[in-house]
Amino acid sequence: MSNLRPFLIALSLAMLAGCTASHPPRADVAAAQAGSGPAANDNLNAVAWTQGAIEHDLVYREVYRHAGEQLLRALADQDWDALPREEREGAVRGLAPAVILDIDETVLDNSPYQARLVRDGRRYEDASWAQWCREEAARPLPGALEFTRLAAAHGVTVFYLSNRAQDLNDATLANLRKTGFPIATAEPVFLGLGTVVEGCRAAGSNKGCRRKLIGRTHRVLLQVGDQVGDFVDVAANTAQGRAAAVAAYADWFGERWFALPNPTYGSWEAALFDNDRSLPEAGQRAAKLKNLRY
């Protein structure tokens, strides 16, 4: 028996070690392992939905299909106009028909840029955004090509309004052409930041002056965008100010104005933290949490 005792002790220790190894790791070990992965990012779900949810594509196709139906109705009505009343400077009868579209997240999909930011744990920067734009790699969003081609086929001029920096104009136009969007050549149809409009001074990146410029020669049938400012200028970018800007035009949405979803970025987000983009990410997140309803 005395000869077996060392063997039995060693066997018991080996079995005990095996049992211990089969237990799940302690909470502190699991936390350390989790910390080695990518950092949490507020935009992950939004980008994942934009790129991976069939619902995203269905909504875009639905909006553009309905816009196409309204386009034909608007074209037949010589008094139809989708320009904000305060931006219309004269009568619309006899003017050439046009539609006005925003570019980013309205006709071109920039979600790969947002995905890179999520992957790399970075925030928006002018330099990285410019690099993405110059790649000219943005793809058409669902339904956008069909709608713009329908408009062009019916003699409707398609205007593109962009708030990209002026030095990105050539790359943006090249991207639009490369992906097949109709670009008229008889007149400038790409109106970016810095467009000079006689008798009108734009406030910041507001598009009102550019819409006025179009309205001087065209009857605007429809507008399509992903931000309130794509349809009407917003005097104060707060929740109340944004609501006030569209209050008089509530019935125009789905009839003359067509809004698309953009959960990844926009003036809606800045309004939640008082437009203070200098706030660190934690400060922005705290302001967003404060604005939630519980």
C-alpha atoms as a PDB file:
ATOM      1  CA  MET A   1       0.000   0.000   0.000  1.00  0.00           C
ATOM      2  CA  SER A   2       2.834   2.341   0.817  1.00  0.00           C
ATOM      3  CA  ASN A   3       4.134   1.927  -2.745  1.00  0.00           C
ATOM      4  CA  LEU A   4       0.744   2.916  -4.199  1.00  0.00           C
ATOM      5  CA  ARG A   5       0.334   6.071  -2.117  1.00  0.00           C
ATOM      6  CA  PRO A   6       2.641   8.347  -4.211  1.00  0.00           C
ATOM      7  CA  PHE A   7       0.957   7.109  -7.388  1.00  0.00           C
ATOM      8  CA  LEU A   8      -2.546   7.787  -6.059  1.00  0.00           C
ATOM      9  CA  ILE A   9      -1.552  11.281  -4.908  1.00  0.00           C
ATOM     10  CA  ALA A  10      -0.084  12.115  -8.330  1.00  0.00           C
ATOM     11  CA  LEU A  11      -3.187  10.762 -10.083  1.00  0.00           C
ATOM     12  CA  SER A  12      -5.463  12.860  -7.878  1.00  0.00           C
ATOM     13  CA  LEU A  13      -3.474  16.008  -8.600  1.00  0.00           C
ATOM     14  CA  ALA A  14      -3.607  15.360 -12.343  1.00  0.00           C
ATOM     15  CA  MET A  15      -7.378  14.853 -12.245  1.00  0.00           C
ATOM     16  CA  LEU A  16      -7.811  18.036 -10.206  1.00  0.00           C
ATOM     17  CA  ALA A  17      -5.761  20.010 -12.720  1.00  0.00           C
ATOM     18  CA  GLY A  18      -7.877  18.651 -15.572  1.00  0.00           C
ATOM     19  CA  CYS A  19     -11.104  19.650 -13.860  1.00  0.00           C
ATOM     20  CA  THR A  20      -9.787  23.133 -13.161  1.00  0.00           C
ATOM     21  CA  ALA A  21      -8.758  23.637 -16.787  1.00  0.00           C
ATOM     22  CA  SER A  22     -12.266  22.762 -17.997  1.00  0.00           C
ATOM     23  CA  HIS A  23     -13.857  25.587 -15.995  1.00  0.00           C
ATOM     24  CA  PRO A  24     -14.753  28.790 -17.882  1.00  0.00           C
ATOM     25  CA  PRO A  25     -12.226  31.617 -17.481  1.00  0.00           C
ATOM     26  CA  ARG A  26     -12.698  34.005 -14.591  1.00  0.00           C
ATOM     27  CA  ALA A  27     -14.500  37.281 -15.247  1.00  0.00           C
ATOM     28  CA  ASP A  28     -11.300  39.304 -15.086  1.00  0.00           C
ATOM     29  CA  VAL A  29      -9.614  37.027 -17.624  1.00  0.00           C
ATOM     30  CA  ALA A  30     -12.633  37.219 -19.945  1.00  0.00           C
ATOM     31  CA  ALA A  31     -12.619  41.002 -19.668  1.00  0.00           C
ATOM     32  CA  ALA A  32      -8.952  41.131 -20.580  1.00  0.00           C
ATOM     33  CA  GLN A  33      -9.571  38.908 -23.601  1.00  0.00           C
ATOM     34  CA  ALA A  34     -12.498  41.076 -24.723  1.00  0.00           C
ATOM     35  CA  GLY A  35     -10.355  44.174 -24.384  1.00  0.00           C
ATOM     36  CA  SER A  36      -7.985  42.874 -27.040  1.00  0.00           C
ATOM     37  CA  GLY A  37     -10.703  43.172 -29.724  1.00  0.00           C
ATOM     38  CA  PRO A  38     -11.897  46.308 -31.561  1.00  0.00           C
ATOM     39  CA  ALA A  39     -13.165  49.122 -29.370  1.00  0.00           C
ATOM     40  CA  ALA A  40     -16.888  49.779 -29.133  1.00  0.00           C
ATOM     41  CA  ASN A  41     -18.111  52.268 -31.728  1.00  0.00           C
ATOM     42  CA  ASP A  42     -21.378  54.193 -31.685  1.00  0.00           C
ATOM     43  CA  ASN A  43     -21.674  53.844 -35.462  1.00  0.00           C
ATOM     44  CA  LEU A  44     -21.281  50.063 -35.749  1.00  0.00           C
ATOM     45  CA  ASN A  45     -24.969  49.153 -35.803  1.00  0.00           C
ATOM     46  CA  ALA A  46     -25.829  52.026 -38.133  1.00  0.00           C
ATOM     47  CA  VAL A  47     -23.181  51.023 -40.672  1.00  0.00           C
ATOM     48  CA  ALA A  48     -24.049  47.333 -40.351  1.00  0.00           C
ATOM     49  CA  TRP A  49     -27.714  48.150 -41.033  1.00  0.00           C
ATOM     50  CA  THR A  50     -26.848  50.377 -43.981  1.00  0.00           C
ATOM     51  CA  GLN A  51     -24.703  47.707 -45.605  1.00  0.00           C
ATOM     52  CA  GLY A  52     -26.339  44.486 -44.506  1.00  0.00           C
ATOM     53  CA  ALA A  53     -30.052  44.987 -43.938  1.00  0.00           C
ATOM     54  CA  ILE A  54     -32.362  44.226 -46.849  1.00  0.00           C
ATOM     55  CA  GLU A  55     -34.755  46.682 -45.208  1.00  0.00           C
ATOM     56  CA  HIS A  56     -32.326  49.488 -46.086  1.00  0.00           C
ATOM     57  CA  ASP A  57     -32.444  48.637 -49.775  1.00  0.00           C
ATOM     58  CA  LEU A  58     -36.208  48.141 -49.714  1.00  0.00           C
ATOM     59  CA  VAL A  59     -36.789  51.585 -48.215  1.00  0.00           C
ATOM     60  CA  TYR A  60     -34.586  53.256 -50.830  1.00  0.00           C
ATOM     61  CA  ARG A  61     -36.264  51.443 -53.702  1.00  0.00           C
ATOM     62  CA  GLU A  62     -39.698  52.211 -52.301  1.00  0.00           C
ATOM     63  CA  VAL A  63     -38.944  55.929 -51.951  1.00  0.00           C
ATOM     64  CA  TYR A  64     -37.423  56.233 -55.420  1.00  0.00           C
ATOM     65  CA  ARG A  65     -40.214  54.233 -57.046  1.00  0.00           C
ATOM     66  CA  HIS A  66     -42.822  56.493 -55.479  1.00  0.00           C
ATOM     67  CA  ALA A  67     -40.784  59.546 -56.478  1.00  0.00           C
ATOM     68  CA  GLY A  68     -40.807  58.303 -60.059  1.00  0.00           C
ATOM     69  CA  GLU A  69     -44.586  58.019 -60.011  1.00  0.00           C
ATOM     70  CA  GLN A  70     -44.903  61.534 -58.616  1.00  0.00           C
ATOM     71  CA  LEU A  71     -42.450  62.827 -61.213  1.00  0.00           C
ATOM     72  CA  LEU A  72     -44.837  61.997 -64.041  1.00  0.00           C
ATOM     73  CA  ARG A  73     -47.752  63.565 -62.186  1.00  0.00           C
ATOM     74  CA  ALA A  74     -45.759  66.728 -61.463  1.00  0.00           C
ATOM     75  CA  LEU A  75     -44.566  66.972 -65.049  1.00  0.00           C
ATOM     76  CA  ALA A  76     -48.154  67.107 -66.286  1.00  0.00           C
ATOM     77  CA  ASP A  77     -49.167  69.895 -63.875  1.00  0.00           C
ATOM     78  CA  GLN A  78     -47.748  73.226 -65.078  1.00  0.00           C
ATOM     79  CA  ASP A  79     -48.354  74.842 -61.686  1.00  0.00           C
ATOM     80  CA  TRP A  80     -46.585  72.137 -59.685  1.00  0.00           C
ATOM     81  CA  ASP A  81     -43.519  73.329 -57.783  1.00  0.00           C
ATOM     82  CA  ALA A  82     -41.350  71.703 -55.104  1.00  0.00           C
ATOM     83  CA  LEU A  83     -39.226  74.726 -54.289  1.00  0.00           C
ATOM     84  CA  PRO A  84     -39.838  76.185 -50.804  1.00  0.00           C
ATOM     85  CA  ARG A  85     -42.247  79.102 -51.110  1.00  0.00           C
ATOM     86  CA  GLU A  86     -39.733  81.542 -49.645  1.00  0.00           C
ATOM     87  CA  GLU A  87     -37.199  80.547 -52.316  1.00  0.00           C
ATOM     88  CA  ARG A  88     -39.509  80.911 -55.332  1.00  0.00           C
ATOM     89  CA  GLU A  89     -38.854  84.306 -56.941  1.00  0.00           C
ATOM     90  CA  GLY A  90     -41.390  84.266 -59.776  1.00  0.00           C
ATOM     91  CA  ALA A  91     -44.018  82.323 -61.683  1.00  0.00           C
ATOM     92  CA  VAL A  92     -43.293  78.701 -62.578  1.00  0.00           C
ATOM     93  CA  ARG A  93     -45.399  78.346 -65.721  1.00  0.00           C
ATOM     94  CA  GLY A  94     -43.279  78.029 -68.804  1.00  0.00           C
ATOM     95  CA  LEU A  95     -40.095  77.136 -66.950  1.00  0.00           C
ATOM     96  CA  ALA A  96     -38.153  74.009 -67.871  1.00  0.00           C
ATOM     97  CA  PRO A  97     -38.727  71.060 -65.496  1.00  0.00           C
ATOM     98  CA  ALA A  98     -36.040  69.916 -63.069  1.00  0.00           C
ATOM     99  CA  VAL A  99     -35.451  67.728 -60.029  1.00  0.00           C
ATOM    100  CA  ILE A 100     -32.973  68.462 -57.238  1.00  0.00           C
ATOM    101  CA  LEU A 101     -31.049  65.707 -55.493  1.00  0.00           C
ATOM    102  CA  ASP A 102     -28.478  65.655 -52.736  1.00  0.00           C
ATOM    103  CA  ILE A 103     -25.492  63.393 -53.446  1.00  0.00           C
ATOM    104  CA  ASP A 104     -24.045  61.699 -50.354  1.00  0.00           C
ATOM    105  CA  GLU A 105     -26.320  58.994 -48.938  1.00  0.00           C
ATOM    106  CA  THR A 106     -28.970  60.085 -51.458  1.00  0.00           C
ATOM    107  CA  VAL A 107     -27.508  58.885 -54.746  1.00  0.00           C
ATOM    108  CA  LEU A 108     -24.002  57.747 -53.716  1.00  0.00           C
ATOM    109  CA  ASP A 109     -23.298  55.218 -50.961  1.00  0.00           C
ATOM    110  CA  ASN A 110     -20.361  56.244 -48.765  1.00  0.00           C
ATOM    111  CA  SER A 111     -20.867  53.531 -46.155  1.00  0.00           C
ATOM    112  CA  PRO A 112     -17.444  51.957 -46.897  1.00  0.00           C
ATOM    113  CA  TYR A 113     -15.858  55.147 -45.554  1.00  0.00           C
ATOM    114  CA  GLN A 114     -17.939  54.879 -42.379  1.00  0.00           C
ATOM    115  CA  ALA A 115     -17.022  51.188 -42.126  1.00  0.00           C
ATOM    116  CA  ARG A 116     -13.330  52.050 -42.231  1.00  0.00           C
ATOM    117  CA  LEU A 117     -13.785  54.508 -39.380  1.00  0.00           C
ATOM    118  CA  VAL A 118     -15.509  51.827 -37.305  1.00  0.00           C
ATOM    119  CA  ARG A 119     -12.833  49.239 -38.085  1.00  0.00           C
ATOM    120  CA  ASP A 120      -9.967  51.613 -37.309  1.00  0.00           C
ATOM    121  CA  GLY A 121     -11.565  53.201 -34.244  1.00  0.00           C
ATOM    122  CA  ARG A 122     -11.391  56.658 -35.797  1.00  0.00           C
ATOM    123  CA  ARG A 123     -13.714  59.634 -36.177  1.00  0.00           C
ATOM    124  CA  TYR A 124     -14.532  61.686 -39.264  1.00  0.00           C
ATOM    125  CA  GLU A 125     -11.665  63.819 -40.540  1.00  0.00           C
ATOM    126  CA  ASP A 126     -11.573  66.067 -43.598  1.00  0.00           C
ATOM    127  CA  ALA A 127      -8.378  64.403 -44.842  1.00  0.00           C
ATOM    128  CA  SER A 128      -9.645  60.817 -44.675  1.00  0.00           C
ATOM    129  CA  TRP A 129     -12.985  61.869 -46.191  1.00  0.00           C
ATOM    130  CA  ALA A 130     -11.214  63.609 -49.085  1.00  0.00           C
ATOM    131  CA  GLN A 131      -9.104  60.509 -49.667  1.00  0.00           C
ATOM    132  CA  TRP A 132     -12.256  58.383 -49.893  1.00  0.00           C
ATOM    133  CA  CYS A 133     -13.944  60.838 -52.282  1.00  0.00           C
ATOM    134  CA  ARG A 134     -10.913  60.860 -54.573  1.00  0.00           C
ATOM    135  CA  GLU A 135     -11.092  57.083 -54.862  1.00  0.00           C
ATOM    136  CA  GLU A 136     -14.334  57.658 -56.834  1.00  0.00           C
ATOM    137  CA  ALA A 137     -15.518  54.310 -55.481  1.00  0.00           C
ATOM    138  CA  ALA A 138     -18.950  55.189 -54.079  1.00  0.00           C
ATOM    139  CA  ARG A 139     -21.692  53.030 -55.581  1.00  0.00           C
ATOM    140  CA  PRO A 140     -25.228  54.066 -56.549  1.00  0.00           C
ATOM    141  CA  LEU A 141     -27.836  53.635 -53.850  1.00  0.00           C
ATOM    142  CA  PRO A 142     -30.804  51.375 -54.657  1.00  0.00           C
ATOM    143  CA  GLY A 143     -33.308  53.041 -56.971  1.00  0.00           C
ATOM    144  CA  ALA A 144     -31.272  56.215 -57.537  1.00  0.00           C
ATOM    145  CA  LEU A 145     -30.016  55.364 -61.016  1.00  0.00           C
ATOM    146  CA  GLU A 146     -33.448  54.292 -62.196  1.00  0.00           C
ATOM    147  CA  PHE A 147     -35.064  57.478 -60.908  1.00  0.00           C
ATOM    148  CA  THR A 148     -32.533  59.896 -62.390  1.00  0.00           C
ATOM    149  CA  ARG A 149     -32.582  58.093 -65.727  1.00  0.00           C
ATOM    150  CA  LEU A 150     -36.382  58.212 -65.757  1.00  0.00           C
ATOM    151  CA  ALA A 151     -36.245  61.959 -65.178  1.00  0.00           C
ATOM    152  CA  ALA A 152     -33.680  62.507 -67.927  1.00  0.00           C
ATOM    153  CA  ALA A 153     -35.663  60.346 -70.342  1.00  0.00           C
ATOM    154  CA  HIS A 154     -38.674  62.647 -69.860  1.00  0.00           C
ATOM    155  CA  GLY A 155     -36.689  65.804 -70.520  1.00  0.00           C
ATOM    156  CA  VAL A 156     -36.281  66.712 -66.853  1.00  0.00           C
ATOM    157  CA  THR A 157     -32.921  68.225 -65.889  1.00  0.00           C
ATOM    158  CA  VAL A 158     -31.316  66.507 -62.902  1.00  0.00           C
ATOM    159  CA  PHE A 159     -29.472  68.898 -60.577  1.00  0.00           C
ATOM    160  CA  TYR A 160     -27.043  67.602 -57.954  1.00  0.00           C
ATOM    161  CA  LEU A 161     -26.392  69.750 -54.873  1.00  0.00           C
ATOM    162  CA  SER A 162     -23.354  68.815 -52.802  1.00  0.00           C
ATOM    163  CA  ASN A 163     -21.744  70.138 -49.633  1.00  0.00           C
ATOM    164  CA  ARG A 164     -18.437  68.457 -50.355  1.00  0.00           C
ATOM    165  CA  ALA A 165     -15.411  70.758 -50.349  1.00  0.00           C
ATOM    166  CA  GLN A 166     -14.827  72.565 -53.654  1.00  0.00           C
ATOM    167  CA  ASP A 167     -11.559  70.748 -54.346  1.00  0.00           C
ATOM    168  CA  LEU A 168     -13.557  67.498 -54.501  1.00  0.00           C
ATOM    169  CA  ASN A 169     -15.873  68.666 -57.290  1.00  0.00           C
ATOM    170  CA  ASP A 170     -13.984  66.940 -60.113  1.00  0.00           C
ATOM    171  CA  ALA A 171     -13.736  63.638 -58.242  1.00  0.00           C
ATOM    172  CA  THR A 172     -17.424  63.790 -57.325  1.00  0.00           C
ATOM    173  CA  LEU A 173     -18.526  64.436 -60.902  1.00  0.00           C
ATOM    174  CA  ALA A 174     -16.244  61.648 -62.122  1.00  0.00           C
ATOM    175  CA  ASN A 175     -17.790  59.259 -59.588  1.00  0.00           C
ATOM    176  CA  LEU A 176     -21.306  60.203 -60.730  1.00  0.00           C
ATOM    177  CA  ARG A 177     -20.419  59.701 -64.397  1.00  0.00           C
ATOM    178  CA  LYS A 178     -18.564  56.462 -63.722  1.00  0.00           C
ATOM    179  CA  THR A 179     -21.613  54.966 -62.028  1.00  0.00           C
ATOM    180  CA  GLY A 180     -23.973  56.015 -64.826  1.00  0.00           C
ATOM    181  CA  PHE A 181     -25.860  59.000 -63.454  1.00  0.00           C
ATOM    182  CA  PRO A 182     -27.131  61.412 -66.128  1.00  0.00           C
ATOM    183  CA  ILE A 183     -25.091  64.624 -66.179  1.00  0.00           C
ATOM    184  CA  ALA A 184     -26.489  67.261 -68.531  1.00  0.00           C
ATOM    185  CA  THR A 185     -23.938  69.356 -70.410  1.00  0.00           C
ATOM    186  CA  ALA A 186     -26.094  72.241 -71.646  1.00  0.00           C
ATOM    187  CA  GLU A 187     -25.830  73.973 -68.263  1.00  0.00           C
ATOM    188  CA  PRO A 188     -24.044  73.423 -64.935  1.00  0.00           C
ATOM    189  CA  VAL A 189     -26.031  70.789 -63.034  1.00  0.00           C
ATOM    190  CA  PHE A 190     -23.533  70.147 -60.245  1.00  0.00           C
ATOM    191  CA  LEU A 191     -23.787  72.931 -57.675  1.00  0.00           C
ATOM    192  CA  GLY A 192     -21.335  72.570 -54.825  1.00  0.00           C
ATOM    193  CA  LEU A 193     -20.129  74.726 -51.960  1.00  0.00           C
ATOM    194  CA  GLY A 194     -18.977  78.136 -53.107  1.00  0.00           C
ATOM    195  CA  THR A 195     -21.460  78.406 -55.976  1.00  0.00           C
ATOM    196  CA  VAL A 196     -21.957  82.124 -56.560  1.00  0.00           C
ATOM    197  CA  VAL A 197     -25.609  83.187 -56.702  1.00  0.00           C
ATOM    198  CA  GLU A 198     -26.220  86.826 -57.588  1.00  0.00           C
ATOM    199  CA  GLY A 199     -28.275  88.623 -54.975  1.00  0.00           C
ATOM    200  CA  CYS A 200     -28.134  85.783 -52.466  1.00  0.00           C
ATOM    201  CA  ARG A 201     -25.677  85.177 -49.648  1.00  0.00           C
ATOM    202  CA  ALA A 202     -25.600  81.632 -48.279  1.00  0.00           C
ATOM    203  CA  ALA A 203     -25.279  81.032 -44.551  1.00  0.00           C
ATOM    204  CA  GLY A 204     -22.680  78.333 -44.043  1.00  0.00           C
ATOM    205  CA  SER A 205     -23.478  75.232 -46.051  1.00  0.00           C
ATOM    206  CA  ASN A 206     -27.180  76.042 -46.516  1.00  0.00           C
ATOM    207  CA  LYS A 207     -28.435  75.156 -49.982  1.00  0.00           C
ATOM    208  CA  GLY A 208     -31.169  77.793 -50.245  1.00  0.00           C
ATOM    209  CA  CYS A 209     -29.237  80.103 -52.585  1.00  0.00           C
ATOM    210  CA  ARG A 210     -28.399  77.239 -54.917  1.00  0.00           C
ATOM    211  CA  ARG A 211     -32.032  76.158 -54.988  1.00  0.00           C
ATOM    212  CA  LYS A 212     -33.010  79.759 -55.791  1.00  0.00           C
ATOM    213  CA  LEU A 213     -30.539  79.748 -58.672  1.00  0.00           C
ATOM    214  CA  ILE A 214     -32.171  76.650 -60.115  1.00  0.00           C
ATOM    215  CA  GLY A 215     -35.626  78.133 -59.562  1.00  0.00           C
ATOM    216  CA  ARG A 216     -34.822  81.185 -61.685  1.00  0.00           C
ATOM    217  CA  THR A 217     -34.767  79.039 -64.807  1.00  0.00           C
ATOM    218  CA  HIS A 218     -36.563  75.839 -63.816  1.00  0.00           C
ATOM    219  CA  ARG A 219     -39.762  74.544 -62.303  1.00  0.00           C
ATOM    220  CA  VAL A 220     -38.682  72.125 -59.594  1.00  0.00           C
ATOM    221  CA  LEU A 221     -40.799  68.971 -59.694  1.00  0.00           C
ATOM    222  CA  LEU A 222     -39.271  67.047 -56.784  1.00  0.00           C
ATOM    223  CA  GLN A 223     -36.479  67.138 -54.234  1.00  0.00           C
ATOM    224  CA  VAL A 224     -34.734  64.084 -52.762  1.00  0.00           C
ATOM    225  CA  GLY A 225     -32.318  64.077 -49.830  1.00  0.00           C
ATOM    226  CA  ASP A 226     -31.310  62.543 -46.506  1.00  0.00           C
ATOM    227  CA  GLN A 227     -31.169  65.742 -44.424  1.00  0.00           C
ATOM    228  CA  VAL A 228     -33.772  68.408 -43.651  1.00  0.00           C
ATOM    229  CA  GLY A 229     -31.398  70.987 -45.136  1.00  0.00           C
ATOM    230  CA  ASP A 230     -31.630  69.244 -48.502  1.00  0.00           C
ATOM    231  CA  PHE A 231     -35.187  70.565 -48.795  1.00  0.00           C
ATOM    232  CA  VAL A 232     -35.335  73.839 -46.884  1.00  0.00           C
ATOM    233  CA  ASP A 233     -32.843  75.971 -44.961  1.00  0.00           C
ATOM    234  CA  VAL A 234     -32.762  75.428 -41.194  1.00  0.00           C
ATOM    235  CA  ALA A 235     -32.331  78.647 -39.219  1.00  0.00           C
ATOM    236  CA  ALA A 236     -31.368  76.920 -35.955  1.00  0.00           C
ATOM    237  CA  ASN A 237     -30.010  73.378 -35.944  1.00  0.00           C
ATOM    238  CA  THR A 238     -31.808  72.251 -32.809  1.00  0.00           C
ATOM    239  CA  ALA A 239     -34.601  69.729 -32.444  1.00  0.00           C
ATOM    240  CA  GLN A 240     -37.084  72.603 -32.263  1.00  0.00           C
ATOM    241  CA  GLY A 241     -35.471  74.527 -35.114  1.00  0.00           C
ATOM    242  CA  ARG A 242     -35.441  71.518 -37.410  1.00  0.00           C
ATOM    243  CA  ALA A 243     -39.086  70.781 -36.684  1.00  0.00           C
ATOM    244  CA  ALA A 244     -40.001  74.425 -37.304  1.00  0.00           C
ATOM    245  CA  ALA A 245     -38.208  74.428 -40.665  1.00  0.00           C
ATOM    246  CA  VAL A 246     -40.422  71.678 -42.068  1.00  0.00           C
ATOM    247  CA  ALA A 247     -43.653  72.467 -40.197  1.00  0.00           C
ATOM    248  CA  ALA A 248     -45.192  74.358 -43.115  1.00  0.00           C
ATOM    249  CA  TYR A 249     -44.229  71.581 -45.531  1.00  0.00           C
ATOM    250  CA  ALA A 250     -45.343  68.457 -43.677  1.00  0.00           C
ATOM    251  CA  ASP A 251     -47.728  67.527 -46.501  1.00  0.00           C
ATOM    252  CA  TRP A 252     -45.003  67.845 -49.103  1.00  0.00           C
ATOM    253  CA  PHE A 253     -43.056  64.848 -47.829  1.00  0.00           C
ATOM    254  CA  GLY A 254     -43.972  61.841 -49.924  1.00  0.00           C
ATOM    255  CA  GLU A 255     -45.523  64.162 -52.510  1.00  0.00           C
ATOM    256  CA  ARG A 256     -42.884  66.719 -53.585  1.00  0.00           C
ATOM    257  CA  TRP A 257     -40.083  66.025 -51.134  1.00  0.00           C
ATOM    258  CA  PHE A 258     -38.671  62.554 -50.528  1.00  0.00           C
ATOM    259  CA  ALA A 259     -36.551  61.915 -47.433  1.00  0.00           C
ATOM    260  CA  LEU A 260     -34.183  58.947 -47.168  1.00  0.00           C
ATOM    261  CA  PRO A 261     -32.825  57.393 -43.945  1.00  0.00           C
ATOM    262  CA  ASN A 262     -29.271  58.097 -42.819  1.00  0.00           C
ATOM    263  CA  PRO A 263     -28.503  56.779 -39.310  1.00  0.00           C
ATOM    264  CA  THR A 264     -24.728  57.144 -39.675  1.00  0.00           C
ATOM    265  CA  TYR A 265     -24.262  60.922 -39.595  1.00  0.00           C
ATOM    266  CA  GLY A 266     -25.932  64.251 -40.276  1.00  0.00           C
ATOM    267  CA  SER A 267     -27.178  67.510 -38.837  1.00  0.00           C
ATOM    268  CA  TRP A 268     -29.638  65.521 -36.701  1.00  0.00           C
ATOM    269  CA  GLU A 269     -26.683  64.135 -34.739  1.00  0.00           C
ATOM    270  CA  ALA A 270     -24.990  67.502 -34.235  1.00  0.00           C
ATOM    271  CA  ALA A 271     -28.258  68.943 -32.932  1.00  0.00           C
ATOM    272  CA  LEU A 272     -28.120  66.457 -30.047  1.00  0.00           C
ATOM    273  CA  PHE A 273     -24.868  67.919 -28.701  1.00  0.00           C
ATOM    274  CA  ASP A 274     -25.561  71.591 -29.503  1.00  0.00           C
ATOM    275  CA  ASN A 275     -23.499  71.452 -32.710  1.00  0.00           C
ATOM    276  CA  ASP A 276     -20.275  71.413 -30.686  1.00  0.00           C
ATOM    277  CA  ARG A 277     -18.151  69.118 -32.833  1.00  0.00           C
ATOM    278  CA  SER A 278     -15.115  69.884 -30.692  1.00  0.00           C
ATOM    279  CA  LEU A 279     -16.589  67.741 -27.913  1.00  0.00           C
ATOM    280  CA  PRO A 280     -14.698  64.496 -27.304  1.00  0.00           C
ATOM    281  CA  GLU A 281     -16.507  61.301 -28.176  1.00  0.00           C
ATOM    282  CA  ALA A 282     -17.453  60.693 -24.542  1.00  0.00           C
ATOM    283  CA  GLY A 283     -19.009  64.150 -24.317  1.00  0.00           C
ATOM    284  CA  GLN A 284     -21.028  63.633 -27.478  1.00  0.00           C
ATOM    285  CA  ARG A 285     -22.209  60.254 -26.210  1.00  0.00           C
ATOM    286  CA  ALA A 286     -23.282  61.741 -22.880  1.00  0.00           C
ATOM    287  CA  ALA A 287     -25.318  64.404 -24.685  1.00  0.00           C
ATOM    288  CA  LYS A 288     -26.989  61.774 -26.856  1.00  0.00           C
ATOM    289  CA  LEU A 289     -27.886  59.685 -23.815  1.00  0.00           C
ATOM    290  CA  LYS A 290     -29.372  62.764 -22.185  1.00  0.00           C
ATOM    291  CA  ASN A 291     -31.647  63.228 -25.212  1.00  0.00           C
ATOM    292  CA  LEU A 292     -33.050  59.694 -25.097  1.00  0.00           C
ATOM    293  CA  ARG A 293     -36.567  59.013 -23.800  1.00  0.00           C
ATOM    294  CA  TYR A 294     -36.709  56.426 -21.006  1.00  0.00           C
END
